[in-house]
PDB file of N, CA and C in Angstrom:
ATOM      1  N   MET A   1    -117.603 -27.623  68.399  1.00  0.00           N
ATOM      2  CA  MET A   1    -118.798 -28.033  67.711  1.00  0.00           C
ATOM      3  C   MET A   1    -118.399 -28.750  66.407  1.00  0.00           C
ATOM      4  N   LEU A   2    -118.915 -29.923  66.195  1.00  0.00           N
ATOM      5  CA  LEU A   2    -118.618 -30.704  64.995  1.00  0.00           C
ATOM      6  C   LEU A   2    -119.484 -30.257  63.829  1.00  0.00           C
ATOM      7  N   PRO A   3    -118.946 -30.328  62.608  1.00  0.00           N
ATOM      8  CA  PRO A   3    -119.765 -29.990  61.447  1.00  0.00           C
ATOM      9  C   PRO A   3    -120.903 -30.997  61.272  1.00  0.00           C
ATOM     10  N   ARG A   4    -122.032 -30.512  60.802  1.00  0.00           N
ATOM     11  CA  ARG A   4    -123.198 -31.374  60.585  1.00  0.00           C
ATOM     12  C   ARG A   4    -123.658 -31.246  59.136  1.00  0.00           C
ATOM     13  N   TYR A   5    -124.226 -32.325  58.647  1.00  0.00           N
ATOM     14  CA  TYR A   5    -124.738 -32.371  57.284  1.00  0.00           C
ATOM     15  C   TYR A   5    -126.219 -32.701  57.337  1.00  0.00           C
ATOM     16  N   TYR A   6    -127.033 -31.873  56.684  1.00  0.00           N
ATOM     17  CA  TYR A   6    -128.481 -32.087  56.670  1.00  0.00           C
ATOM     18  C   TYR A   6    -128.948 -32.216  55.227  1.00  0.00           C
ATOM     19  N   PHE A   7    -129.398 -33.363  54.844  1.00  0.00           N
ATOM     20  CA  PHE A   7    -130.051 -33.525  53.540  1.00  0.00           C
ATOM     21  C   PHE A   7    -131.386 -34.208  53.783  1.00  0.00           C
ATOM     22  N   VAL A   8    -131.330 -35.447  54.167  1.00  0.00           N
ATOM     23  CA  VAL A   8    -132.554 -36.151  54.547  1.00  0.00           C
ATOM     24  C   VAL A   8    -132.589 -36.317  56.063  1.00  0.00           C
ATOM     25  N   ALA A   9    -131.443 -36.688  56.631  1.00  0.00           N
ATOM     26  CA  ALA A   9    -131.344 -36.879  58.075  1.00  0.00           C
ATOM     27  C   ALA A   9    -130.080 -36.197  58.578  1.00  0.00           C
ATOM     28  N   GLN A  10    -130.065 -35.912  59.863  1.00  0.00           N
ATOM     29  CA  GLN A  10    -128.906 -35.270  60.469  1.00  0.00           C
ATOM     30  C   GLN A  10    -127.745 -36.250  60.508  1.00  0.00           C
ATOM     31  N   GLU A  11    -126.560 -35.774  60.152  1.00  0.00           N
ATOM     32  CA  GLU A  11    -125.377 -36.622  60.137  1.00  0.00           C
ATOM     33  C   GLU A  11    -124.195 -35.811  60.648  1.00  0.00           C
ATOM     34  N   ASP A  12    -123.456 -36.360  61.602  1.00  0.00           N
ATOM     35  CA  ASP A  12    -122.236 -35.719  62.082  1.00  0.00           C
ATOM     36  C   ASP A  12    -121.095 -36.070  61.149  1.00  0.00           C
ATOM     37  N   LEU A  13    -120.435 -35.058  60.613  1.00  0.00           N
ATOM     38  CA  LEU A  13    -119.341 -35.289  59.686  1.00  0.00           C
ATOM     39  C   LEU A  13    -118.031 -35.611  60.394  1.00  0.00           C
ATOM     40  N   GLY A  14    -117.867 -35.172  61.598  1.00  0.00           N
ATOM     41  CA  GLY A  14    -116.619 -35.392  62.314  1.00  0.00           C
ATOM     42  C   GLY A  14    -115.561 -34.400  61.871  1.00  0.00           C
ATOM     43  N   LEU A  15    -114.473 -34.354  62.596  1.00  0.00           N
ATOM     44  CA  LEU A  15    -113.381 -33.449  62.258  1.00  0.00           C
ATOM     45  C   LEU A  15    -112.576 -34.003  61.085  1.00  0.00           C
ATOM     46  N   LYS A  16    -112.030 -33.111  60.280  1.00  0.00           N
ATOM     47  CA  LYS A  16    -111.199 -33.511  59.148  1.00  0.00           C
ATOM     48  C   LYS A  16    -109.768 -33.091  59.436  1.00  0.00           C
ATOM     49  N   TYR A  17    -108.854 -34.038  59.393  1.00  0.00           N
ATOM     50  CA  TYR A  17    -107.442 -33.781  59.624  1.00  0.00           C
ATOM     51  C   TYR A  17    -106.711 -33.866  58.286  1.00  0.00           C
ATOM     52  N   THR A  18    -105.884 -32.883  57.984  1.00  0.00           N
ATOM     53  CA  THR A  18    -105.142 -32.886  56.724  1.00  0.00           C
ATOM     54  C   THR A  18    -103.665 -32.611  56.967  1.00  0.00           C
ATOM     55  N   VAL A  19    -102.834 -33.214  56.123  1.00  0.00           N
ATOM     56  CA  VAL A  19    -101.399 -32.982  56.117  1.00  0.00           C
ATOM     57  C   VAL A  19    -101.015 -32.784  54.659  1.00  0.00           C
ATOM     58  N   ASN A  20    -100.199 -31.750  54.385  1.00  0.00           N
ATOM     59  CA  ASN A  20     -99.821 -31.427  53.020  1.00  0.00           C
ATOM     60  C   ASN A  20     -98.320 -31.163  52.972  1.00  0.00           C
ATOM     61  N   PHE A  21     -97.638 -31.703  51.966  1.00  0.00           N
ATOM     62  CA  PHE A  21     -96.206 -31.475  51.783  1.00  0.00           C
ATOM     63  C   PHE A  21     -95.939 -31.149  50.324  1.00  0.00           C
ATOM     64  N   LYS A  22     -95.126 -30.159  50.067  1.00  0.00           N
ATOM     65  CA  LYS A  22     -94.682 -29.856  48.717  1.00  0.00           C
ATOM     66  C   LYS A  22     -93.263 -29.312  48.806  1.00  0.00           C
ATOM     67  N   GLY A  23     -92.367 -29.864  48.019  1.00  0.00           N
ATOM     68  CA  GLY A  23     -90.978 -29.423  48.022  1.00  0.00           C
ATOM     69  C   GLY A  23     -90.398 -29.452  46.625  1.00  0.00           C
ATOM     70  N   SER A  24     -89.505 -28.519  46.339  1.00  0.00           N
ATOM     71  CA  SER A  24     -88.880 -28.424  45.014  1.00  0.00           C
ATOM     72  C   SER A  24     -87.374 -28.440  45.151  1.00  0.00           C
ATOM     73  N   PHE A  25     -86.720 -29.036  44.171  1.00  0.00           N
ATOM     74  CA  PHE A  25     -85.267 -28.942  44.114  1.00  0.00           C
ATOM     75  C   PHE A  25     -84.824 -28.912  42.666  1.00  0.00           C
ATOM     76  N   GLY A  26     -83.798 -28.098  42.387  1.00  0.00           N
ATOM     77  CA  GLY A  26     -83.270 -27.954  41.034  1.00  0.00           C
ATOM     78  C   GLY A  26     -82.249 -29.027  40.714  1.00  0.00           C
ATOM     79  N   LEU A  27     -82.016 -29.207  39.447  1.00  0.00           N
ATOM     80  CA  LEU A  27     -81.032 -30.184  38.987  1.00  0.00           C
ATOM     81  C   LEU A  27     -79.766 -29.444  38.540  1.00  0.00           C
ATOM     82  N   SER A  28     -78.776 -29.417  39.374  1.00  0.00           N
ATOM     83  CA  SER A  28     -77.460 -28.800  39.206  1.00  0.00           C
ATOM     84  C   SER A  28     -77.263 -27.943  37.954  1.00  0.00           C
ATOM     85  N   ALA A  29     -77.447 -26.668  38.106  1.00  0.00           N
ATOM     86  CA  ALA A  29     -77.193 -25.641  37.081  1.00  0.00           C
ATOM     87  C   ALA A  29     -77.934 -25.900  35.771  1.00  0.00           C
ATOM     88  N   SER A  30     -79.111 -26.484  35.846  1.00  0.00           N
ATOM     89  CA  SER A  30     -79.928 -26.677  34.651  1.00  0.00           C
ATOM     90  C   SER A  30     -81.277 -26.006  34.885  1.00  0.00           C
ATOM     91  N   PRO A  31     -82.071 -25.805  33.833  1.00  0.00           N
ATOM     92  CA  PRO A  31     -83.376 -25.163  33.999  1.00  0.00           C
ATOM     93  C   PRO A  31     -84.460 -26.121  34.514  1.00  0.00           C
ATOM     94  N   TRP A  32     -84.134 -27.366  34.795  1.00  0.00           N
ATOM     95  CA  TRP A  32     -85.112 -28.356  35.237  1.00  0.00           C
ATOM     96  C   TRP A  32     -85.264 -28.350  36.749  1.00  0.00           C
ATOM     97  N   VAL A  33     -86.516 -28.463  37.217  1.00  0.00           N
ATOM     98  CA  VAL A  33     -86.845 -28.506  38.641  1.00  0.00           C
ATOM     99  C   VAL A  33     -87.809 -29.663  38.874  1.00  0.00           C
ATOM    100  N   ILE A  34     -87.601 -30.408  39.950  1.00  0.00           N
ATOM    101  CA  ILE A  34     -88.517 -31.486  40.328  1.00  0.00           C
ATOM    102  C   ILE A  34     -89.281 -31.026  41.558  1.00  0.00           C
ATOM    103  N   GLN A  35     -90.600 -31.144  41.503  1.00  0.00           N
ATOM    104  CA  GLN A  35     -91.466 -30.733  42.606  1.00  0.00           C
ATOM    105  C   GLN A  35     -92.213 -31.965  43.109  1.00  0.00           C
ATOM    106  N   LEU A  36     -91.930 -32.377  44.343  1.00  0.00           N
ATOM    107  CA  LEU A  36     -92.585 -33.527  44.957  1.00  0.00           C
ATOM    108  C   LEU A  36     -93.743 -33.044  45.822  1.00  0.00           C
ATOM    109  N   ALA A  37     -94.811 -33.845  45.890  1.00  0.00           N
ATOM    110  CA  ALA A  37     -95.979 -33.447  46.676  1.00  0.00           C
ATOM    111  C   ALA A  37     -96.637 -34.675  47.299  1.00  0.00           C
ATOM    112  N   ALA A  38     -97.215 -34.465  48.490  1.00  0.00           N
ATOM    113  CA  ALA A  38     -97.982 -35.508  49.172  1.00  0.00           C
ATOM    114  C   ALA A  38     -99.102 -34.838  49.959  1.00  0.00           C
ATOM    115  N   TYR A  39    -100.236 -35.513  50.031  1.00  0.00           N
ATOM    116  CA  TYR A  39    -101.417 -34.986  50.720  1.00  0.00           C
ATOM    117  C   TYR A  39    -102.133 -36.142  51.397  1.00  0.00           C
ATOM    118  N   MET A  40    -102.571 -35.922  52.626  1.00  0.00           N
ATOM    119  CA  MET A  40    -103.352 -36.935  53.318  1.00  0.00           C
ATOM    120  C   MET A  40    -104.483 -36.243  54.084  1.00  0.00           C
ATOM    121  N   ALA A  41    -105.692 -36.784  53.962  1.00  0.00           N
ATOM    122  CA  ALA A  41    -106.850 -36.272  54.687  1.00  0.00           C
ATOM    123  C   ALA A  41    -107.584 -37.446  55.326  1.00  0.00           C
ATOM    124  N   ILE A  42    -107.985 -37.253  56.568  1.00  0.00           N
ATOM    125  CA  ILE A  42    -108.727 -38.286  57.306  1.00  0.00           C
ATOM    126  C   ILE A  42    -109.961 -37.631  57.912  1.00  0.00           C
ATOM    127  N   GLN A  43    -111.121 -38.233  57.645  1.00  0.00           N
ATOM    128  CA  GLN A  43    -112.375 -37.756  58.236  1.00  0.00           C
ATOM    129  C   GLN A  43    -113.261 -38.964  58.482  1.00  0.00           C
ATOM    130  N   ASN A  44    -113.606 -39.185  59.748  1.00  0.00           N
ATOM    131  CA  ASN A  44    -114.335 -40.379  60.161  1.00  0.00           C
ATOM    132  C   ASN A  44    -113.623 -41.622  59.643  1.00  0.00           C
ATOM    133  N   LYS A  45    -114.271 -42.432  58.817  1.00  0.00           N
ATOM    134  CA  LYS A  45    -113.655 -43.655  58.303  1.00  0.00           C
ATOM    135  C   LYS A  45    -113.027 -43.457  56.923  1.00  0.00           C
ATOM    136  N   ALA A  46    -113.109 -42.256  56.367  1.00  0.00           N
ATOM    137  CA  ALA A  46    -112.572 -41.986  55.032  1.00  0.00           C
ATOM    138  C   ALA A  46    -111.128 -41.484  55.119  1.00  0.00           C
ATOM    139  N   THR A  47    -110.271 -42.042  54.280  1.00  0.00           N
ATOM    140  CA  THR A  47    -108.875 -41.622  54.200  1.00  0.00           C
ATOM    141  C   THR A  47    -108.529 -41.376  52.743  1.00  0.00           C
ATOM    142  N   ASP A  48    -107.875 -40.256  52.478  1.00  0.00           N
ATOM    143  CA  ASP A  48    -107.472 -39.880  51.127  1.00  0.00           C
ATOM    144  C   ASP A  48    -105.977 -39.584  51.149  1.00  0.00           C
ATOM    145  N   ILE A  49    -105.187 -40.361  50.396  1.00  0.00           N
ATOM    146  CA  ILE A  49    -103.739 -40.162  50.331  1.00  0.00           C
ATOM    147  C   ILE A  49    -103.350 -39.987  48.868  1.00  0.00           C
ATOM    148  N   VAL A  50    -102.652 -38.889  48.563  1.00  0.00           N
ATOM    149  CA  VAL A  50    -102.220 -38.577  47.199  1.00  0.00           C
ATOM    150  C   VAL A  50    -100.722 -38.292  47.222  1.00  0.00           C
ATOM    151  N   ILE A  51     -99.980 -38.919  46.293  1.00  0.00           N
ATOM    152  CA  ILE A  51     -98.553 -38.650  46.146  1.00  0.00           C
ATOM    153  C   ILE A  51     -98.254 -38.419  44.669  1.00  0.00           C
ATOM    154  N   GLY A  52     -97.241 -37.632  44.387  1.00  0.00           N
ATOM    155  CA  GLY A  52     -96.883 -37.409  42.993  1.00  0.00           C
ATOM    156  C   GLY A  52     -95.801 -36.374  42.832  1.00  0.00           C
ATOM    157  N   SER A  53     -95.556 -36.011  41.571  1.00  0.00           N
ATOM    158  CA  SER A  53     -94.522 -35.025  41.295  1.00  0.00           C
ATOM    159  C   SER A  53     -94.768 -34.337  39.959  1.00  0.00           C
ATOM    160  N   LEU A  54     -94.159 -33.164  39.840  1.00  0.00           N
ATOM    161  CA  LEU A  54     -94.123 -32.407  38.593  1.00  0.00           C
ATOM    162  C   LEU A  54     -92.668 -32.215  38.214  1.00  0.00           C
ATOM    163  N   VAL A  55     -92.393 -32.281  36.937  1.00  0.00           N
ATOM    164  CA  VAL A  55     -91.088 -31.907  36.410  1.00  0.00           C
ATOM    165  C   VAL A  55     -91.306 -30.593  35.683  1.00  0.00           C
ATOM    166  N   LYS A  56     -90.599 -29.556  36.131  1.00  0.00           N
ATOM    167  CA  LYS A  56     -90.807 -28.223  35.569  1.00  0.00           C
ATOM    168  C   LYS A  56     -89.558 -27.764  34.819  1.00  0.00           C
ATOM    169  N   TYR A  57     -89.805 -27.075  33.707  1.00  0.00           N
ATOM    170  CA  TYR A  57     -88.724 -26.493  32.918  1.00  0.00           C
ATOM    171  C   TYR A  57     -88.846 -24.980  33.015  1.00  0.00           C
ATOM    172  N   ASN A  58     -87.807 -24.323  33.530  1.00  0.00           N
ATOM    173  CA  ASN A  58     -87.813 -22.868  33.667  1.00  0.00           C
ATOM    174  C   ASN A  58     -87.549 -22.217  32.317  1.00  0.00           C
ATOM    175  N   ILE A  59     -88.563 -21.550  31.780  1.00  0.00           N
ATOM    176  CA  ILE A  59     -88.447 -20.864  30.493  1.00  0.00           C
ATOM    177  C   ILE A  59     -87.643 -19.584  30.669  1.00  0.00           C
ATOM    178  N   SER A  60     -87.951 -18.825  31.703  1.00  0.00           N
ATOM    179  CA  SER A  60     -87.169 -17.638  32.041  1.00  0.00           C
ATOM    180  C   SER A  60     -87.006 -17.605  33.546  1.00  0.00           C
ATOM    181  N   GLU A  61     -85.827 -17.230  33.979  1.00  0.00           N
ATOM    182  CA  GLU A  61     -85.545 -17.245  35.409  1.00  0.00           C
ATOM    183  C   GLU A  61     -84.869 -15.953  35.804  1.00  0.00           C
ATOM    184  N   ASN A  62     -85.358 -15.370  36.875  1.00  0.00           N
ATOM    185  CA  ASN A  62     -84.747 -14.179  37.439  1.00  0.00           C
ATOM    186  C   ASN A  62     -83.923 -14.644  38.628  1.00  0.00           C
ATOM    187  N   SER A  63     -82.600 -14.640  38.500  1.00  0.00           N
ATOM    188  CA  SER A  63     -81.738 -15.206  39.539  1.00  0.00           C
ATOM    189  C   SER A  63     -81.827 -14.450  40.855  1.00  0.00           C
ATOM    190  N   SER A  64     -82.280 -13.184  40.818  1.00  0.00           N
ATOM    191  CA  SER A  64     -82.372 -12.423  42.061  1.00  0.00           C
ATOM    192  C   SER A  64     -83.703 -12.650  42.782  1.00  0.00           C
ATOM    193  N   ASN A  65     -84.678 -13.236  42.090  1.00  0.00           N
ATOM    194  CA  ASN A  65     -85.987 -13.427  42.720  1.00  0.00           C
ATOM    195  C   ASN A  65     -86.653 -14.667  42.141  1.00  0.00           C
ATOM    196  N   PHE A  66     -86.670 -15.775  42.919  1.00  0.00           N
ATOM    197  CA  PHE A  66     -87.227 -17.045  42.447  1.00  0.00           C
ATOM    198  C   PHE A  66     -88.703 -16.932  42.099  1.00  0.00           C
ATOM    199  N   SER A  67     -89.441 -16.020  42.753  1.00  0.00           N
ATOM    200  CA  SER A  67     -90.882 -15.915  42.521  1.00  0.00           C
ATOM    201  C   SER A  67     -91.211 -15.293  41.168  1.00  0.00           C
ATOM    202  N   LYS A  68     -90.226 -14.776  40.423  1.00  0.00           N
ATOM    203  CA  LYS A  68     -90.486 -14.195  39.110  1.00  0.00           C
ATOM    204  C   LYS A  68     -90.172 -15.169  37.974  1.00  0.00           C
ATOM    205  N   THR A  69     -89.984 -16.438  38.291  1.00  0.00           N
ATOM    206  CA  THR A  69     -89.675 -17.462  37.306  1.00  0.00           C
ATOM    207  C   THR A  69     -90.910 -17.828  36.482  1.00  0.00           C
ATOM    208  N   THR A  70     -90.709 -18.068  35.180  1.00  0.00           N
ATOM    209  CA  THR A  70     -91.759 -18.577  34.303  1.00  0.00           C
ATOM    210  C   THR A  70     -91.384 -20.015  33.949  1.00  0.00           C
ATOM    211  N   SER A  71     -92.334 -20.950  34.112  1.00  0.00           N
ATOM    212  CA  SER A  71     -92.017 -22.353  33.856  1.00  0.00           C
ATOM    213  C   SER A  71     -93.227 -23.098  33.309  1.00  0.00           C
ATOM    214  N   ILE A  72     -92.930 -24.243  32.695  1.00  0.00           N
ATOM    215  CA  ILE A  72     -93.958 -25.179  32.257  1.00  0.00           C
ATOM    216  C   ILE A  72     -93.642 -26.516  32.939  1.00  0.00           C
ATOM    217  N   GLY A  73     -94.682 -27.174  33.432  1.00  0.00           N
ATOM    218  CA  GLY A  73     -94.468 -28.424  34.145  1.00  0.00           C
ATOM    219  C   GLY A  73     -95.421 -29.512  33.691  1.00  0.00           C
ATOM    220  N   PHE A  74     -94.985 -30.739  33.874  1.00  0.00           N
ATOM    221  CA  PHE A  74     -95.828 -31.897  33.570  1.00  0.00           C
ATOM    222  C   PHE A  74     -95.501 -32.992  34.576  1.00  0.00           C
ATOM    223  N   GLY A  75     -96.479 -33.804  34.869  1.00  0.00           N
ATOM    224  CA  GLY A  75     -96.261 -34.876  35.830  1.00  0.00           C
ATOM    225  C   GLY A  75     -97.550 -35.606  36.127  1.00  0.00           C
ATOM    226  N   GLY A  76     -97.583 -36.243  37.270  1.00  0.00           N
ATOM    227  CA  GLY A  76     -98.762 -36.995  37.628  1.00  0.00           C
ATOM    228  C   GLY A  76     -98.818 -37.290  39.105  1.00  0.00           C
ATOM    229  N   TYR A  77    -100.012 -37.656  39.544  1.00  0.00           N
ATOM    230  CA  TYR A  77    -100.267 -37.960  40.942  1.00  0.00           C
ATOM    231  C   TYR A  77    -101.025 -39.273  41.038  1.00  0.00           C
ATOM    232  N   TYR A  78    -100.841 -39.967  42.141  1.00  0.00           N
ATOM    233  CA  TYR A  78    -101.510 -41.243  42.389  1.00  0.00           C
ATOM    234  C   TYR A  78    -102.299 -41.139  43.688  1.00  0.00           C
ATOM    235  N   ARG A  79    -103.585 -41.382  43.610  1.00  0.00           N
ATOM    236  CA  ARG A  79    -104.448 -41.431  44.796  1.00  0.00           C
ATOM    237  C   ARG A  79    -104.516 -42.895  45.204  1.00  0.00           C
ATOM    238  N   ILE A  80    -103.977 -43.209  46.379  1.00  0.00           N
ATOM    239  CA  ILE A  80    -103.830 -44.587  46.842  1.00  0.00           C
ATOM    240  C   ILE A  80    -105.160 -45.333  46.763  1.00  0.00           C
ATOM    241  N   GLY A  81    -105.146 -46.446  46.028  1.00  0.00           N
ATOM    242  CA  GLY A  81    -106.301 -47.323  45.930  1.00  0.00           C
ATOM    243  C   GLY A  81    -107.445 -46.811  45.071  1.00  0.00           C
ATOM    244  N   ASP A  82    -107.255 -45.693  44.352  1.00  0.00           N
ATOM    245  CA  ASP A  82    -108.390 -45.144  43.618  1.00  0.00           C
ATOM    246  C   ASP A  82    -108.068 -44.753  42.181  1.00  0.00           C
ATOM    247  N   GLY A  83    -106.961 -44.092  41.918  1.00  0.00           N
ATOM    248  CA  GLY A  83    -106.711 -43.679  40.548  1.00  0.00           C
ATOM    249  C   GLY A  83    -105.491 -42.783  40.396  1.00  0.00           C
ATOM    250  N   ILE A  84    -105.300 -42.331  39.171  1.00  0.00           N
ATOM    251  CA  ILE A  84    -104.187 -41.450  38.841  1.00  0.00           C
ATOM    252  C   ILE A  84    -104.727 -40.200  38.157  1.00  0.00           C
ATOM    253  N   PHE A  85    -103.941 -39.135  38.166  1.00  0.00           N
ATOM    254  CA  PHE A  85    -104.306 -37.970  37.380  1.00  0.00           C
ATOM    255  C   PHE A  85    -103.058 -37.263  36.884  1.00  0.00           C
ATOM    256  N   PRO A  86    -102.877 -37.273  35.553  1.00  0.00           N
ATOM    257  CA  PRO A  86    -101.775 -36.524  34.942  1.00  0.00           C
ATOM    258  C   PRO A  86    -102.070 -35.024  35.014  1.00  0.00           C
ATOM    259  N   LYS A  87    -101.004 -34.218  34.985  1.00  0.00           N
ATOM    260  CA  LYS A  87    -101.174 -32.776  35.125  1.00  0.00           C
ATOM    261  C   LYS A  87    -100.174 -32.028  34.256  1.00  0.00           C
ATOM    262  N   VAL A  88    -100.631 -30.910  33.680  1.00  0.00           N
ATOM    263  CA  VAL A  88     -99.797 -29.956  32.953  1.00  0.00           C
ATOM    264  C   VAL A  88    -100.004 -28.610  33.621  1.00  0.00           C
ATOM    265  N   GLN A  89     -98.906 -27.855  33.801  1.00  0.00           N
ATOM    266  CA  GLN A  89     -99.015 -26.595  34.523  1.00  0.00           C
ATOM    267  C   GLN A  89     -98.119 -25.522  33.905  1.00  0.00           C
ATOM    268  N   LEU A  90     -98.648 -24.318  33.766  1.00  0.00           N
ATOM    269  CA  LEU A  90     -97.875 -23.143  33.379  1.00  0.00           C
ATOM    270  C   LEU A  90     -97.791 -22.237  34.596  1.00  0.00           C
ATOM    271  N   GLN A  91     -96.618 -21.684  34.856  1.00  0.00           N
ATOM    272  CA  GLN A  91     -96.451 -20.819  36.013  1.00  0.00           C
ATOM    273  C   GLN A  91     -95.766 -19.519  35.606  1.00  0.00           C
ATOM    274  N   TRP A  92     -96.352 -18.392  36.043  1.00  0.00           N
ATOM    275  CA  TRP A  92     -95.792 -17.055  35.838  1.00  0.00           C
ATOM    276  C   TRP A  92     -95.631 -16.438  37.210  1.00  0.00           C
ATOM    277  N   GLY A  93     -94.434 -16.359  37.704  1.00  0.00           N
ATOM    278  CA  GLY A  93     -94.203 -15.799  39.036  1.00  0.00           C
ATOM    279  C   GLY A  93     -94.924 -16.619  40.083  1.00  0.00           C
ATOM    280  N   SER A  94     -95.781 -15.989  40.865  1.00  0.00           N
ATOM    281  CA  SER A  94     -96.505 -16.706  41.911  1.00  0.00           C
ATOM    282  C   SER A  94     -97.875 -17.200  41.440  1.00  0.00           C
ATOM    283  N   PHE A  95     -98.199 -17.020  40.143  1.00  0.00           N
ATOM    284  CA  PHE A  95     -99.478 -17.467  39.596  1.00  0.00           C
ATOM    285  C   PHE A  95     -99.259 -18.739  38.779  1.00  0.00           C
ATOM    286  N   ALA A  96    -100.068 -19.777  39.031  1.00  0.00           N
ATOM    287  CA  ALA A  96     -99.959 -21.038  38.291  1.00  0.00           C
ATOM    288  C   ALA A  96    -101.325 -21.419  37.727  1.00  0.00           C
ATOM    289  N   LEU A  97    -101.326 -21.909  36.500  1.00  0.00           N
ATOM    290  CA  LEU A  97    -102.535 -22.385  35.840  1.00  0.00           C
ATOM    291  C   LEU A  97    -102.265 -23.816  35.401  1.00  0.00           C
ATOM    292  N   GLY A  98    -103.078 -24.743  35.886  1.00  0.00           N
ATOM    293  CA  GLY A  98    -102.854 -26.140  35.579  1.00  0.00           C
ATOM    294  C   GLY A  98    -104.094 -26.831  35.071  1.00  0.00           C
ATOM    295  N   MET A  99    -103.889 -27.981  34.438  1.00  0.00           N
ATOM    296  CA  MET A  99    -104.986 -28.795  33.947  1.00  0.00           C
ATOM    297  C   MET A  99    -104.653 -30.252  34.264  1.00  0.00           C
ATOM    298  N   SER A 100    -105.639 -30.969  34.798  1.00  0.00           N
ATOM    299  CA  SER A 100    -105.435 -32.381  35.100  1.00  0.00           C
ATOM    300  C   SER A 100    -106.699 -33.156  34.736  1.00  0.00           C
ATOM    301  N   TYR A 101    -106.545 -34.479  34.640  1.00  0.00           N
ATOM    302  CA  TYR A 101    -107.679 -35.333  34.331  1.00  0.00           C
ATOM    303  C   TYR A 101    -107.645 -36.515  35.280  1.00  0.00           C
ATOM    304  N   ASP A 102    -108.731 -36.761  35.984  1.00  0.00           N
ATOM    305  CA  ASP A 102    -108.830 -37.809  36.968  1.00  0.00           C
ATOM    306  C   ASP A 102    -109.217 -39.129  36.301  1.00  0.00           C
ATOM    307  N   ILE A 103    -108.357 -40.139  36.426  1.00  0.00           N
ATOM    308  CA  ILE A 103    -108.618 -41.461  35.841  1.00  0.00           C
ATOM    309  C   ILE A 103    -108.779 -42.447  37.002  1.00  0.00           C
ATOM    310  N   ASN A 104    -110.003 -42.889  37.234  1.00  0.00           N
ATOM    311  CA  ASN A 104    -110.259 -43.840  38.315  1.00  0.00           C
ATOM    312  C   ASN A 104    -109.900 -45.247  37.893  1.00  0.00           C
ATOM    313  N   SER A 105    -109.347 -46.015  38.835  1.00  0.00           N
ATOM    314  CA  SER A 105    -108.987 -47.410  38.524  1.00  0.00           C
ATOM    315  C   SER A 105    -110.066 -48.365  38.990  1.00  0.00           C
TER     316      SER A 105
END
């Protein structure tokens, strides 16, 4: 069953397909980490593609458990054909709090 939207008239939304990638790698024995990300969503005739990265600095690191790392990150993302959004992020273990601002082109 396809999703439907009802406001004034019935409209079939169609299926939404999404692909998401996020990967991190450290910079040889330093507290800096680069996190690359990509996202693509397709629904009917609409396509949304976002690419970008964060550069994170590990404030404290637990070498026995990566999930207990505290870091601050900054970077930006580009939405193909639409705009950019810079981002700042604080991370404590598996919890992250970020702030970004969407700038349309």
